[in-house]
Every structure is written in C-alpha cells, then in structure tokens.
Amino acid sequence: MWVGNAVSHCLRELDILHEDTYPAKSNILPSNLFTCKSLVTLKLEGDILLDVPRMASLPSLKTLKLLGVTYLKDGTLQRLISNCTILEDLVVDLRDNDSMGKLTVLDAYLQSLSLYIPYDHGIDELVIDTPSLKYLKLRLHSFNDHYCLIENMPNMIEAYLDVELLDINSLIGSITSVKRLAIFSEVITFHICLCTLLFSNQLVRLLEASSNLQGLEIFFMDHHVPLGMDEWNQPSTVPECMLSSLQSLNWLMYTGKPQERDIVVYILKHAIHLKTTTIKSPESAVPKFEMLKELVLSSRASPTCQFMFD
C-alpha cells in the first residue's frame, strides 16, 4: 500500500529489502510502480515477486538493481529492462532455479552492467549488446551447454570476469571472432578468475581482444573449487597489448605450478612497458625464495619492471 502512495507523490528513489519467512508468499509490488515517470533509482532485494505489466514505462530510470528477486514468468525481467529507455546502471543477481529462457540486455545508453547467473539457473541464451558500456562485471557459472554472446562494446574501460562454462568458446569466441575483434579494444583493466579448466586458452583470447589493456589481475575466488588448468599454449603472435600498453600484472593465489609459471614468464618476456608485477601466494604453495628466483631470473622485455611478492 505504502509503495503505491509513494509513487503517486513523484517518487525519485526507491530501495526495498523484503525478507519473508515463507518465500512462497513473496511480496508483489503495485503495478503503478512500473509506470512511474519520476523514478530515477530502483533497488529491489529479497523475497519480492516481480510482475511487470505490458504497459510498463520508466522513462526517467537510470539505476536498476535487482538482487535475488523472483520473476513471475519468463520474459518479466526482459520486459522491465526494455522499458527503461535511459538506463545507465544495471545490476541483476539471479536466484538459483530462476527460469526465464532467454535473457537479452540490449541498451544503447547502459554504462555499467553487473550480472550474476548461478549454477542452477534456467537461462538457455544470454545476449549482451551495449554499445555505451564502460564497466562490465559478469559472474556466469554453468554446467549446462547454452548460447552466450557478448558484442558491441567499443567504449569498455574495465571488465571483471568470473566465468565458468562447459564450452568457454560460447562466450570468448563471440568476443574474439574476427568481426568482433575490437569488442574489448578500449578495456584498460581486466579482473579474471582462473577457476576454469580452460583458463589459459581463455586468457589468450582476452589478451588478443584487448589491444589497449593496461592492467591484468588474475585471481581465484574463495568459494570456487579448483579444477586445475590446461597447458599453456602461447599465442602464435604476441598480443598487441603486450607490445604497446600493458603496465601491471597482479596474480593472487599464485601457486607456482608449471602452467602458472609459464604464463607469468611469457608476459614478462613480451610486455615491453610492464612496470609492476605483483605475485601473492598462499603460505603452503611454494617456497617464496624459489618462486622469487624462478621469476626474477626469467627473461624480461621491460628492464624497469618491479617485482612485489606477498
């Protein structure tokens, strides 16, 4: 009741956190919320059931955050996004077992996008086409084989990727195909999780697609299960970012395994403008002295590169 009254008074910002002891009785928001012409910021979290009417229109909404809410039916989220015509900041954290078939984020004005898609989800197809996007945070975990396409991001500055797919090419292939080679051409910083078996192959593709990359951070999420890593097969040609722009490498949870060592050695050997290399490892992984010696003695393209170990 109070939400409906607030909307009628030219509401500009709405933040609702609703936790129900009986989630089956999730709160349903009034339909007039989705036709509020004055609303600029909307954040919904928890046991909230979204039923977006066909006539939805949020012409002033710039920030939309949907955290763990429930969607009444397939297409609900899609309808909501498509009716926010000047949206700039979108955050969507799906729940386990959400069923929505296809999710398309097609928005000409969107500048920041954060998507979390858990293992047990009902998405068969994900398409992201956001030409104005500058910041991307994608957490996509799936043991299912589904279609994933990311394209048209010429203004990207920073990307955070925590991706685990059976077929990583369904994501990375769309990024690095010849027609879309420049998709991440303006990315300055990459944060990438190394939990996938195909990590090294994924890394090569991202480096090749990021011609202006300045910073690379490789990490391992605490809640992820290590699956090992494929052998490092260095690219046939040195990625452009190695020769022109890469300045910092930050590797968290480095264990000194041959595949990890080979990647670091390759970057040191070819990154002409590298200024800092930071290696952080667990205490039990590898003797610090041995790790330091192994990397410091390797060939370096940048004689001024500083090593930092933790």
C-alpha atoms as a PDB file:
ATOM      1  CA  MET A   1       0.000   0.000   0.000  1.00  0.00           C
ATOM      2  CA  TRP A   2       2.710   2.481   1.011  1.00  0.00           C
ATOM      3  CA  VAL A   3       4.638   1.873  -2.213  1.00  0.00           C
ATOM      4  CA  GLY A   4       1.638   2.855  -4.299  1.00  0.00           C
ATOM      5  CA  ASN A   5       1.171   6.024  -2.259  1.00  0.00           C
ATOM      6  CA  ALA A   6       4.858   6.929  -2.598  1.00  0.00           C
ATOM      7  CA  VAL A   7       4.721   6.507  -6.362  1.00  0.00           C
ATOM      8  CA  SER A   8       1.823   8.930  -6.584  1.00  0.00           C
ATOM      9  CA  HIS A   9       3.984  11.644  -4.985  1.00  0.00           C
ATOM     10  CA  CYS A  10       6.607  11.895  -7.740  1.00  0.00           C
ATOM     11  CA  LEU A  11       8.946   9.307  -6.209  1.00  0.00           C
ATOM     12  CA  ARG A  12      12.565   9.588  -7.404  1.00  0.00           C
ATOM     13  CA  GLU A  13      14.306   6.811  -5.457  1.00  0.00           C
ATOM     14  CA  LEU A  14      13.018   3.523  -4.055  1.00  0.00           C
ATOM     15  CA  ASP A  15      15.034   0.906  -2.125  1.00  0.00           C
ATOM     16  CA  ILE A  16      13.172  -2.157  -0.822  1.00  0.00           C
ATOM     17  CA  LEU A  17      14.624  -5.128   1.066  1.00  0.00           C
ATOM     18  CA  HIS A  18      11.956  -7.709   1.865  1.00  0.00           C
ATOM     19  CA  GLU A  19      12.680 -10.968   3.666  1.00  0.00           C
ATOM     20  CA  ASP A  20       9.818 -13.386   4.178  1.00  0.00           C
ATOM     21  CA  THR A  21       9.830 -16.439   6.417  1.00  0.00           C
ATOM     22  CA  TYR A  22       7.681 -18.091   3.770  1.00  0.00           C
ATOM     23  CA  PRO A  23       9.207 -17.185   0.379  1.00  0.00           C
ATOM     24  CA  ALA A  24       6.230 -18.688  -1.425  1.00  0.00           C
ATOM     25  CA  LYS A  25       4.346 -15.619  -0.221  1.00  0.00           C
ATOM     26  CA  SER A  26       6.758 -13.167  -1.788  1.00  0.00           C
ATOM     27  CA  ASN A  27       5.610  -9.572  -1.838  1.00  0.00           C
ATOM     28  CA  ILE A  28       4.082  -8.385  -5.126  1.00  0.00           C
ATOM     29  CA  LEU A  29       4.657  -4.731  -5.922  1.00  0.00           C
ATOM     30  CA  PRO A  30       1.846  -2.492  -7.197  1.00  0.00           C
ATOM     31  CA  SER A  31       1.648  -2.180 -10.972  1.00  0.00           C
ATOM     32  CA  ASN A  32       1.781   1.632 -10.888  1.00  0.00           C
ATOM     33  CA  LEU A  33       5.410   1.391  -9.745  1.00  0.00           C
ATOM     34  CA  PHE A  34       6.337   0.290 -13.258  1.00  0.00           C
ATOM     35  CA  THR A  35       4.752   3.353 -14.859  1.00  0.00           C
ATOM     36  CA  CYS A  36       6.320   5.920 -12.528  1.00  0.00           C
ATOM     37  CA  LYS A  37       7.623   8.731 -14.727  1.00  0.00           C
ATOM     38  CA  SER A  38       9.705  10.384 -11.968  1.00  0.00           C
ATOM     39  CA  LEU A  39      11.586   7.318 -10.661  1.00  0.00           C
ATOM     40  CA  VAL A  40      15.367   7.604 -11.185  1.00  0.00           C
ATOM     41  CA  THR A  41      16.738   4.841  -8.916  1.00  0.00           C
ATOM     42  CA  LEU A  42      15.127   1.492  -8.111  1.00  0.00           C
ATOM     43  CA  LYS A  43      16.663  -1.210  -5.916  1.00  0.00           C
ATOM     44  CA  LEU A  44      14.731  -4.366  -5.049  1.00  0.00           C
ATOM     45  CA  GLU A  45      16.178  -7.170  -2.949  1.00  0.00           C
ATOM     46  CA  GLY A  46      14.939 -10.394  -1.392  1.00  0.00           C
ATOM     47  CA  ASP A  47      11.541 -12.061  -1.404  1.00  0.00           C
ATOM     48  CA  ILE A  48       9.869  -9.805  -3.920  1.00  0.00           C
ATOM     49  CA  LEU A  49       7.806 -11.170  -6.794  1.00  0.00           C
ATOM     50  CA  LEU A  50       8.054  -9.075  -9.949  1.00  0.00           C
ATOM     51  CA  ASP A  51       5.049  -8.927 -12.239  1.00  0.00           C
ATOM     52  CA  VAL A  52       5.782  -6.274 -14.842  1.00  0.00           C
ATOM     53  CA  PRO A  53       2.688  -5.123 -16.780  1.00  0.00           C
ATOM     54  CA  ARG A  54       2.690  -4.868 -20.565  1.00  0.00           C
ATOM     55  CA  MET A  55       2.267  -1.106 -20.361  1.00  0.00           C
ATOM     56  CA  ALA A  56       5.371  -0.656 -18.186  1.00  0.00           C
ATOM     57  CA  SER A  57       7.322   2.542 -18.772  1.00  0.00           C
ATOM     58  CA  LEU A  58      10.085   4.024 -16.618  1.00  0.00           C
ATOM     59  CA  PRO A  59      11.315   6.933 -18.756  1.00  0.00           C
ATOM     60  CA  SER A  60      13.490   8.534 -16.038  1.00  0.00           C
ATOM     61  CA  LEU A  61      15.051   5.414 -14.519  1.00  0.00           C
ATOM     62  CA  LYS A  62      18.864   5.457 -14.657  1.00  0.00           C
ATOM     63  CA  THR A  63      19.790   2.914 -11.959  1.00  0.00           C
ATOM     64  CA  LEU A  64      18.149  -0.500 -11.587  1.00  0.00           C
ATOM     65  CA  LYS A  65      19.324  -3.116  -9.080  1.00  0.00           C
ATOM     66  CA  LEU A  66      17.531  -6.453  -8.748  1.00  0.00           C
ATOM     67  CA  LEU A  67      19.115  -8.689  -6.119  1.00  0.00           C
ATOM     68  CA  GLY A  68      17.679 -12.157  -5.605  1.00  0.00           C
ATOM     69  CA  VAL A  69      14.113 -11.235  -6.514  1.00  0.00           C
ATOM     70  CA  THR A  70      11.659 -13.645  -8.148  1.00  0.00           C
ATOM     71  CA  TYR A  71      10.178 -13.165 -11.612  1.00  0.00           C
ATOM     72  CA  LEU A  72       6.565 -14.183 -12.126  1.00  0.00           C
ATOM     73  CA  LYS A  73       7.160 -15.687 -15.570  1.00  0.00           C
ATOM     74  CA  ASP A  74       9.577 -15.903 -18.475  1.00  0.00           C
ATOM     75  CA  GLY A  75      10.108 -12.519 -20.055  1.00  0.00           C
ATOM     76  CA  THR A  76       9.409 -10.472 -16.920  1.00  0.00           C
ATOM     77  CA  LEU A  77      12.978  -9.279 -16.487  1.00  0.00           C
ATOM     78  CA  GLN A  78      13.323  -8.746 -20.216  1.00  0.00           C
ATOM     79  CA  ARG A  79      10.210  -6.581 -20.286  1.00  0.00           C
ATOM     80  CA  LEU A  80      11.375  -4.471 -17.369  1.00  0.00           C
ATOM     81  CA  ILE A  81      14.811  -3.783 -18.866  1.00  0.00           C
ATOM     82  CA  SER A  82      13.439  -2.958 -22.299  1.00  0.00           C
ATOM     83  CA  ASN A  83      11.075  -0.356 -20.845  1.00  0.00           C
ATOM     84  CA  CYS A  84      13.819   1.605 -19.091  1.00  0.00           C
ATOM     85  CA  THR A  85      14.778   3.782 -22.030  1.00  0.00           C
ATOM     86  CA  ILE A  86      17.661   5.781 -20.481  1.00  0.00           C
ATOM     87  CA  LEU A  87      19.063   3.161 -18.099  1.00  0.00           C
ATOM     88  CA  GLU A  88      22.748   3.703 -17.237  1.00  0.00           C
ATOM     89  CA  ASP A  89      23.458   1.296 -14.362  1.00  0.00           C
ATOM     90  CA  LEU A  90      22.044  -2.250 -14.224  1.00  0.00           C
ATOM     91  CA  VAL A  91      22.723  -4.891 -11.552  1.00  0.00           C
ATOM     92  CA  VAL A  92      20.978  -8.276 -11.726  1.00  0.00           C
ATOM     93  CA  ASP A  93      21.694 -11.139  -9.325  1.00  0.00           C
ATOM     94  CA  LEU A  94      19.570 -14.140 -10.253  1.00  0.00           C
ATOM     95  CA  ARG A  95      18.422 -16.791  -7.811  1.00  0.00           C
ATOM     96  CA  ASP A  96      19.035 -20.498  -8.165  1.00  0.00           C
ATOM     97  CA  ASN A  97      16.441 -22.176 -10.371  1.00  0.00           C
ATOM     98  CA  ASP A  98      15.281 -18.948 -11.984  1.00  0.00           C
ATOM     99  CA  SER A  99      13.603 -19.834 -15.252  1.00  0.00           C
ATOM    100  CA  MET A 100      13.462 -17.219 -17.976  1.00  0.00           C
ATOM    101  CA  GLY A 101      14.701 -18.923 -21.137  1.00  0.00           C
ATOM    102  CA  LYS A 102      16.454 -16.118 -22.989  1.00  0.00           C
ATOM    103  CA  LEU A 103      17.957 -13.012 -21.432  1.00  0.00           C
ATOM    104  CA  THR A 104      18.891 -10.156 -23.733  1.00  0.00           C
ATOM    105  CA  VAL A 105      20.442  -6.933 -22.498  1.00  0.00           C
ATOM    106  CA  LEU A 106      20.099  -4.592 -25.458  1.00  0.00           C
ATOM    107  CA  ASP A 107      20.543  -0.994 -24.389  1.00  0.00           C
ATOM    108  CA  ALA A 108      22.108   1.966 -26.154  1.00  0.00           C
ATOM    109  CA  TYR A 109      22.695   4.064 -23.019  1.00  0.00           C
ATOM    110  CA  LEU A 110      23.816   1.487 -20.445  1.00  0.00           C
ATOM    111  CA  GLN A 111      27.245   2.323 -18.992  1.00  0.00           C
ATOM    112  CA  SER A 112      27.622  -0.166 -16.140  1.00  0.00           C
ATOM    113  CA  LEU A 113      26.396  -3.772 -16.093  1.00  0.00           C
ATOM    114  CA  SER A 114      26.716  -6.411 -13.369  1.00  0.00           C
ATOM    115  CA  LEU A 115      25.214  -9.869 -13.927  1.00  0.00           C
ATOM    116  CA  TYR A 116      25.324 -12.855 -11.603  1.00  0.00           C
ATOM    117  CA  ILE A 117      24.000 -16.103 -13.054  1.00  0.00           C
ATOM    118  CA  PRO A 118      24.370 -19.086 -10.655  1.00  0.00           C
ATOM    119  CA  TYR A 119      24.868 -22.757 -11.480  1.00  0.00           C
ATOM    120  CA  ASP A 120      21.217 -23.754 -11.165  1.00  0.00           C
ATOM    121  CA  HIS A 121      19.570 -21.308 -13.491  1.00  0.00           C
ATOM    122  CA  GLY A 122      17.052 -21.591 -16.279  1.00  0.00           C
ATOM    123  CA  ILE A 123      18.700 -19.379 -18.903  1.00  0.00           C
ATOM    124  CA  ASP A 124      19.239 -21.034 -22.267  1.00  0.00           C
ATOM    125  CA  GLU A 125      20.559 -17.975 -24.071  1.00  0.00           C
ATOM    126  CA  LEU A 126      22.348 -14.818 -22.956  1.00  0.00           C
ATOM    127  CA  VAL A 127      22.936 -11.902 -25.319  1.00  0.00           C
ATOM    128  CA  ILE A 128      24.565  -8.615 -24.308  1.00  0.00           C
ATOM    129  CA  ASP A 129      24.651  -5.765 -26.818  1.00  0.00           C
ATOM    130  CA  THR A 130      25.509  -2.493 -25.086  1.00  0.00           C
ATOM    131  CA  PRO A 131      27.495  -0.023 -27.230  1.00  0.00           C
ATOM    132  CA  SER A 132      27.910   2.600 -24.473  1.00  0.00           C
ATOM    133  CA  LEU A 133      29.035   0.161 -21.774  1.00  0.00           C
ATOM    134  CA  LYS A 134      32.164   1.158 -19.829  1.00  0.00           C
ATOM    135  CA  TYR A 135      32.110  -1.277 -16.897  1.00  0.00           C
ATOM    136  CA  LEU A 136      31.193  -4.956 -17.036  1.00  0.00           C
ATOM    137  CA  LYS A 137      31.031  -7.418 -14.153  1.00  0.00           C
ATOM    138  CA  LEU A 138      29.958 -10.860 -15.305  1.00  0.00           C
ATOM    139  CA  ARG A 139      29.687 -13.827 -12.952  1.00  0.00           C
ATOM    140  CA  LEU A 140      28.433 -16.734 -15.013  1.00  0.00           C
ATOM    141  CA  HIS A 141      28.585 -20.288 -13.678  1.00  0.00           C
ATOM    142  CA  SER A 142      27.062 -23.104 -15.669  1.00  0.00           C
ATOM    143  CA  PHE A 143      27.431 -26.822 -16.187  1.00  0.00           C
ATOM    144  CA  ASN A 144      24.823 -26.567 -18.940  1.00  0.00           C
ATOM    145  CA  ASP A 145      25.529 -26.073 -22.610  1.00  0.00           C
ATOM    146  CA  HIS A 146      23.890 -22.825 -23.675  1.00  0.00           C
ATOM    147  CA  TYR A 147      24.430 -19.936 -26.047  1.00  0.00           C
ATOM    148  CA  CYS A 148      26.198 -16.825 -24.821  1.00  0.00           C
ATOM    149  CA  LEU A 149      27.055 -13.807 -26.951  1.00  0.00           C
ATOM    150  CA  ILE A 150      28.701 -10.548 -25.950  1.00  0.00           C
ATOM    151  CA  GLU A 151      29.155  -7.920 -28.614  1.00  0.00           C
ATOM    152  CA  ASN A 152      29.316  -4.241 -29.499  1.00  0.00           C
ATOM    153  CA  MET A 153      31.258  -2.786 -26.549  1.00  0.00           C
ATOM    154  CA  PRO A 154      33.617  -0.243 -28.151  1.00  0.00           C
ATOM    155  CA  ASN A 155      33.759   2.002 -25.057  1.00  0.00           C
ATOM    156  CA  MET A 156      34.635  -0.623 -22.451  1.00  0.00           C
ATOM    157  CA  ILE A 157      37.100   0.553 -19.795  1.00  0.00           C
ATOM    158  CA  GLU A 158      37.062  -2.169 -17.150  1.00  0.00           C
ATOM    159  CA  ALA A 159      35.825  -5.762 -17.135  1.00  0.00           C
ATOM    160  CA  TYR A 160      35.548  -8.226 -14.253  1.00  0.00           C
ATOM    161  CA  LEU A 161      35.023 -11.790 -15.463  1.00  0.00           C
ATOM    162  CA  ASP A 162      34.237 -14.712 -13.174  1.00  0.00           C
ATOM    163  CA  VAL A 163      33.122 -17.220 -15.790  1.00  0.00           C
ATOM    164  CA  GLU A 164      32.814 -20.972 -15.707  1.00  0.00           C
ATOM    165  CA  LEU A 165      31.267 -22.654 -18.742  1.00  0.00           C
ATOM    166  CA  LEU A 166      31.469 -26.120 -20.226  1.00  0.00           C
ATOM    167  CA  ASP A 167      32.256 -24.510 -23.556  1.00  0.00           C
ATOM    168  CA  ILE A 168      34.089 -21.277 -22.886  1.00  0.00           C
ATOM    169  CA  ASN A 169      34.080 -20.556 -26.617  1.00  0.00           C
ATOM    170  CA  SER A 170      30.375 -19.784 -26.387  1.00  0.00           C
ATOM    171  CA  LEU A 171      31.458 -16.676 -24.513  1.00  0.00           C
ATOM    172  CA  ILE A 172      35.028 -15.927 -25.520  1.00  0.00           C
ATOM    173  CA  GLY A 173      34.519 -16.986 -29.124  1.00  0.00           C
ATOM    174  CA  SER A 174      31.958 -14.261 -29.575  1.00  0.00           C
ATOM    175  CA  ILE A 175      34.415 -11.760 -28.164  1.00  0.00           C
ATOM    176  CA  THR A 176      37.384 -12.685 -30.288  1.00  0.00           C
ATOM    177  CA  SER A 177      35.971 -13.640 -33.661  1.00  0.00           C
ATOM    178  CA  VAL A 178      37.431 -11.590 -36.494  1.00  0.00           C
ATOM    179  CA  LYS A 179      34.316  -9.485 -36.962  1.00  0.00           C
ATOM    180  CA  ARG A 180      34.244  -8.587 -33.281  1.00  0.00           C
ATOM    181  CA  LEU A 181      37.943  -8.381 -32.571  1.00  0.00           C
ATOM    182  CA  ALA A 182      37.647  -4.816 -31.288  1.00  0.00           C
ATOM    183  CA  ILE A 183      34.927  -5.614 -28.753  1.00  0.00           C
ATOM    184  CA  PHE A 184      37.274  -5.028 -25.810  1.00  0.00           C
ATOM    185  CA  SER A 185      39.691  -2.745 -27.649  1.00  0.00           C
ATOM    186  CA  GLU A 186      39.279   0.059 -25.101  1.00  0.00           C
ATOM    187  CA  VAL A 187      39.408  -2.069 -21.932  1.00  0.00           C
ATOM    188  CA  ILE A 188      42.023  -0.701 -19.534  1.00  0.00           C
ATOM    189  CA  THR A 189      41.788  -3.247 -16.716  1.00  0.00           C
ATOM    190  CA  PHE A 190      40.775  -6.912 -16.633  1.00  0.00           C
ATOM    191  CA  HIS A 191      39.967  -8.904 -13.488  1.00  0.00           C
ATOM    192  CA  ILE A 192      39.653 -12.585 -14.337  1.00  0.00           C
ATOM    193  CA  CYS A 193      39.088 -15.696 -12.226  1.00  0.00           C
ATOM    194  CA  LEU A 194      41.257 -18.730 -13.038  1.00  0.00           C
ATOM    195  CA  CYS A 195      38.901 -21.465 -11.796  1.00  0.00           C
ATOM    196  CA  THR A 196      38.047 -22.822 -15.243  1.00  0.00           C
ATOM    197  CA  LEU A 197      39.918 -25.732 -16.787  1.00  0.00           C
ATOM    198  CA  LEU A 198      40.335 -23.704 -19.952  1.00  0.00           C
ATOM    199  CA  PHE A 199      41.744 -20.654 -18.209  1.00  0.00           C
ATOM    200  CA  SER A 200      44.932 -20.296 -20.246  1.00  0.00           C
ATOM    201  CA  ASN A 201      43.027 -20.548 -23.531  1.00  0.00           C
ATOM    202  CA  GLN A 202      40.542 -18.004 -22.232  1.00  0.00           C
ATOM    203  CA  LEU A 203      43.339 -15.666 -21.193  1.00  0.00           C
ATOM    204  CA  VAL A 204      44.970 -15.762 -24.631  1.00  0.00           C
ATOM    205  CA  ARG A 205      41.702 -14.835 -26.321  1.00  0.00           C
ATOM    206  CA  LEU A 206      41.099 -11.952 -23.945  1.00  0.00           C
ATOM    207  CA  LEU A 207      44.619 -10.595 -24.402  1.00  0.00           C
ATOM    208  CA  GLU A 208      44.259 -10.761 -28.164  1.00  0.00           C
ATOM    209  CA  ALA A 209      40.963  -8.890 -27.964  1.00  0.00           C
ATOM    210  CA  SER A 210      42.203  -6.142 -25.639  1.00  0.00           C
ATOM    211  CA  SER A 211      44.619  -4.029 -27.635  1.00  0.00           C
ATOM    212  CA  ASN A 212      44.774  -1.184 -25.074  1.00  0.00           C
ATOM    213  CA  LEU A 213      44.915  -3.264 -21.890  1.00  0.00           C
ATOM    214  CA  GLN A 214      46.953  -1.595 -19.141  1.00  0.00           C
ATOM    215  CA  GLY A 215      46.268  -3.784 -16.109  1.00  0.00           C
ATOM    216  CA  LEU A 216      45.673  -7.529 -15.710  1.00  0.00           C
ATOM    217  CA  GLU A 217      44.573  -9.086 -12.412  1.00  0.00           C
ATOM    218  CA  ILE A 218      44.325 -12.865 -12.130  1.00  0.00           C
ATOM    219  CA  PHE A 219      42.669 -14.234  -9.024  1.00  0.00           C
ATOM    220  CA  PHE A 220      40.875 -17.211  -7.551  1.00  0.00           C
ATOM    221  CA  MET A 221      37.534 -16.762  -5.827  1.00  0.00           C
ATOM    222  CA  ASP A 222      37.466 -18.215  -2.309  1.00  0.00           C
ATOM    223  CA  HIS A 223      34.234 -20.129  -2.874  1.00  0.00           C
ATOM    224  CA  HIS A 224      35.341 -21.719  -6.153  1.00  0.00           C
ATOM    225  CA  VAL A 225      36.555 -25.289  -6.485  1.00  0.00           C
ATOM    226  CA  PRO A 226      39.940 -25.501  -8.255  1.00  0.00           C
ATOM    227  CA  LEU A 227      39.587 -27.601 -11.395  1.00  0.00           C
ATOM    228  CA  GLY A 228      43.205 -27.474 -12.470  1.00  0.00           C
ATOM    229  CA  MET A 229      44.452 -25.706 -15.568  1.00  0.00           C
ATOM    230  CA  ASP A 230      45.128 -26.682 -19.147  1.00  0.00           C
ATOM    231  CA  GLU A 231      48.656 -26.427 -20.506  1.00  0.00           C
ATOM    232  CA  TRP A 232      49.808 -23.005 -21.597  1.00  0.00           C
ATOM    233  CA  ASN A 233      49.981 -22.750 -25.362  1.00  0.00           C
ATOM    234  CA  GLN A 234      51.437 -19.371 -26.140  1.00  0.00           C
ATOM    235  CA  PRO A 235      49.785 -17.397 -28.951  1.00  0.00           C
ATOM    236  CA  SER A 236      51.282 -17.625 -32.428  1.00  0.00           C
ATOM    237  CA  THR A 237      51.786 -13.857 -32.404  1.00  0.00           C
ATOM    238  CA  VAL A 238      52.358 -11.592 -29.426  1.00  0.00           C
ATOM    239  CA  PRO A 239      49.107  -9.810 -28.431  1.00  0.00           C
ATOM    240  CA  GLU A 240      49.164  -6.111 -29.261  1.00  0.00           C
ATOM    241  CA  CYS A 241      48.633  -5.049 -25.652  1.00  0.00           C
ATOM    242  CA  MET A 242      51.933  -6.711 -24.702  1.00  0.00           C
ATOM    243  CA  LEU A 243      53.795  -4.526 -27.158  1.00  0.00           C
ATOM    244  CA  SER A 244      52.011  -1.247 -26.552  1.00  0.00           C
ATOM    245  CA  SER A 245      50.116  -0.807 -23.293  1.00  0.00           C
ATOM    246  CA  LEU A 246      50.257  -3.492 -20.545  1.00  0.00           C
ATOM    247  CA  GLN A 247      51.801  -1.922 -17.431  1.00  0.00           C
ATOM    248  CA  SER A 248      50.789  -4.084 -14.479  1.00  0.00           C
ATOM    249  CA  LEU A 249      50.283  -7.764 -13.686  1.00  0.00           C
ATOM    250  CA  ASN A 250      48.703  -8.766 -10.384  1.00  0.00           C
ATOM    251  CA  TRP A 251      48.365 -12.511  -9.673  1.00  0.00           C
ATOM    252  CA  LEU A 252      46.553 -13.541  -6.494  1.00  0.00           C
ATOM    253  CA  MET A 253      46.745 -17.108  -5.115  1.00  0.00           C
ATOM    254  CA  TYR A 254      49.753 -17.941  -7.283  1.00  0.00           C
ATOM    255  CA  THR A 255      50.913 -21.498  -6.505  1.00  0.00           C
ATOM    256  CA  GLY A 256      53.934 -21.811  -8.760  1.00  0.00           C
ATOM    257  CA  LYS A 257      52.512 -24.643 -10.852  1.00  0.00           C
ATOM    258  CA  PRO A 258      54.128 -25.070 -14.283  1.00  0.00           C
ATOM    259  CA  GLN A 259      51.118 -23.677 -16.142  1.00  0.00           C
ATOM    260  CA  GLU A 260      51.003 -20.584 -13.931  1.00  0.00           C
ATOM    261  CA  ARG A 261      54.746 -20.076 -14.154  1.00  0.00           C
ATOM    262  CA  ASP A 262      54.668 -20.351 -17.949  1.00  0.00           C
ATOM    263  CA  ILE A 263      52.019 -17.629 -18.198  1.00  0.00           C
ATOM    264  CA  VAL A 264      53.929 -15.212 -15.962  1.00  0.00           C
ATOM    265  CA  VAL A 265      57.209 -15.902 -17.773  1.00  0.00           C
ATOM    266  CA  TYR A 266      55.521 -15.288 -21.131  1.00  0.00           C
ATOM    267  CA  ILE A 267      54.113 -11.952 -20.007  1.00  0.00           C
ATOM    268  CA  LEU A 268      57.464 -10.873 -18.573  1.00  0.00           C
ATOM    269  CA  LYS A 269      59.200 -11.844 -21.790  1.00  0.00           C
ATOM    270  CA  HIS A 270      56.901  -9.892 -24.095  1.00  0.00           C
ATOM    271  CA  ALA A 271      55.339  -6.994 -22.134  1.00  0.00           C
ATOM    272  CA  ILE A 272      57.608  -4.134 -23.204  1.00  0.00           C
ATOM    273  CA  HIS A 273      56.015  -1.470 -20.989  1.00  0.00           C
ATOM    274  CA  LEU A 274      55.402  -3.573 -17.868  1.00  0.00           C
ATOM    275  CA  LYS A 275      56.063  -1.510 -14.724  1.00  0.00           C
ATOM    276  CA  THR A 276      54.958  -3.776 -11.872  1.00  0.00           C
ATOM    277  CA  THR A 277      54.442  -7.494 -11.335  1.00  0.00           C
ATOM    278  CA  THR A 278      52.745  -8.411  -8.058  1.00  0.00           C
ATOM    279  CA  ILE A 279      52.609 -12.062  -7.023  1.00  0.00           C
ATOM    280  CA  LYS A 280      50.636 -13.171  -3.972  1.00  0.00           C
ATOM    281  CA  SER A 281      50.619 -16.811  -2.941  1.00  0.00           C
ATOM    282  CA  PRO A 282      49.336 -18.926  -0.042  1.00  0.00           C
ATOM    283  CA  GLU A 283      51.993 -19.828   2.521  1.00  0.00           C
ATOM    284  CA  SER A 284      51.915 -23.534   1.687  1.00  0.00           C
ATOM    285  CA  ALA A 285      52.024 -23.194  -2.095  1.00  0.00           C
ATOM    286  CA  VAL A 286      55.699 -22.820  -2.914  1.00  0.00           C
ATOM    287  CA  PRO A 287      58.803 -21.572  -1.057  1.00  0.00           C
ATOM    288  CA  LYS A 288      58.939 -17.822  -1.528  1.00  0.00           C
ATOM    289  CA  PHE A 289      62.653 -17.819  -2.294  1.00  0.00           C
ATOM    290  CA  GLU A 290      62.299 -20.437  -5.026  1.00  0.00           C
ATOM    291  CA  MET A 291      59.396 -18.582  -6.579  1.00  0.00           C
ATOM    292  CA  LEU A 292      61.262 -15.287  -6.476  1.00  0.00           C
ATOM    293  CA  LYS A 293      64.357 -16.807  -8.021  1.00  0.00           C
ATOM    294  CA  GLU A 294      62.417 -18.578 -10.756  1.00  0.00           C
ATOM    295  CA  LEU A 295      60.623 -15.461 -11.947  1.00  0.00           C
ATOM    296  CA  VAL A 296      63.275 -12.823 -11.361  1.00  0.00           C
ATOM    297  CA  LEU A 297      65.815 -14.781 -13.392  1.00  0.00           C
ATOM    298  CA  SER A 298      63.449 -15.150 -16.331  1.00  0.00           C
ATOM    299  CA  SER A 299      63.869 -13.014 -19.447  1.00  0.00           C
ATOM    300  CA  ARG A 300      62.177  -9.609 -19.285  1.00  0.00           C
ATOM    301  CA  ALA A 301      61.208  -7.239 -22.072  1.00  0.00           C
ATOM    302  CA  SER A 302      60.959  -4.368 -19.586  1.00  0.00           C
ATOM    303  CA  PRO A 303      64.171  -3.944 -17.567  1.00  0.00           C
ATOM    304  CA  THR A 304      62.487  -1.438 -15.238  1.00  0.00           C
ATOM    305  CA  CYS A 305      59.699  -3.811 -14.170  1.00  0.00           C
ATOM    306  CA  GLN A 306      59.455  -4.060 -10.380  1.00  0.00           C
ATOM    307  CA  PHE A 307      58.596  -7.332  -8.634  1.00  0.00           C
ATOM    308  CA  MET A 308      56.496  -7.445  -5.498  1.00  0.00           C
ATOM    309  CA  PHE A 309      55.883 -10.671  -3.589  1.00  0.00           C
ATOM    310  CA  ASP A 310      53.492 -11.293  -0.745  1.00  0.00           C
END
